[in-house]
Amino acid sequence: MQQNERYLLCLGVCNTLLDTPHVKPDMVMAMALQGVKNSQDAWQADILAARELPSAIPLGEQHVLLPRPHLQQLIAYIKQHPNLDVAIISGATREYIDKYVGMVAPELLAMCQFIWSREDKLSYYKRGAGTTFKTLEHIAELKGYKAGRILMVEHGDVFPTASHLRVRPFYGEHYTVTELQNEHGLQEVIWRLSILTQVDDIIALRKNEEAEREQYFEKIKAWEIQHKLSMFDADYAEKLRACPIQKPVAIDEIKASAMEDFTTGKFLQFLEGDINHHPERLTAISSEQFRRIQDLVDGVDVGDINEKLPEDDQ
């Protein structure tokens, strides 16, 4: 099979892209065993609260569908990327995937190069050390992608770990509106994709980064011996700060300031693209809207916009 030079992004579904919390007898029983009083009522209260979240899609009195924040932003990024394919690899049934992903992101299903569900688990599930994890090792053979250009977004374990873009589990019923607004897992995925899809072989990159980390710890150990420093010293942390050896940083390590700049830039790019492709969506404000805006700011003195603000107001 001829190798595909494009990158492949594999996506998990349950508790990665979306959640479908509902009243589960086994969970109610577990809560009761943990000493939670009125566990059935407590679980039901969580579901009812989740149904009131802005993005929630009620599926019945005891069931709700919650897409993870920024899912549409991730899909838009994949669509505009010149060298990125997408697939779904999930432990859910194909019926579940088609139904619930189809409700929140039907275009994602249409974009997928392939979808592996529970029915295909022999292709991607592996057991080891008492755990079950998803493996990407058969994709190169079955689908023709280079192993070093395959990535997977998943909250659980993935092999090889070098290909894993881990996100924290998304349990929608445990979120408040504010917490949902502060959930940026998929935005971080976009940030990391923007860097890693410029790397020729991601697995080789991770091996090099691991080797650099091992060398770093060896140098630290040698420096501690040279300066007769022990981790049991009361001032160990303070003395270690004087060490001139720089800690290696992964190429896609996320810094808050860079993430904020990246997110703003991507939004402006998306807005620009939408305006260019759909100019018919642009509409002029009406005279009534303009009047209401004037009424809202009437009497407000903005002063000199070039004047420097006092320190207390900055």
Foldseek 3Di string as FASTA:
>chain_A
DAAAQFFEEEEEDDLFFKHKFFQDPVVLVVCVVVVDPPSSVVSLVLQVQLCPAPQWDDPDSGIIMHGQPCSVVLVVLQVPDPGYAYEYEYAAAPVVCCPRCCVVPVVNVVRHPYYHYNVNVVQFWDDDPHDIEGEPVCCCVPPRYDPQRYAYEDQDDYPPPLRYLHDHGHDSSPDHNVRSVVRCSSLLVSLLCVFSSVDSGSVVLVVVLVVLQVVLVVVLVVVCVVVVADPPDPCRVVVSVPDPRDHDDRPSDDDPVVSVVVVVVSVVVVVVVCCVVCVVPDDDDDPVVVVVVCVVCPPPDPDDPPDDDDPVVD
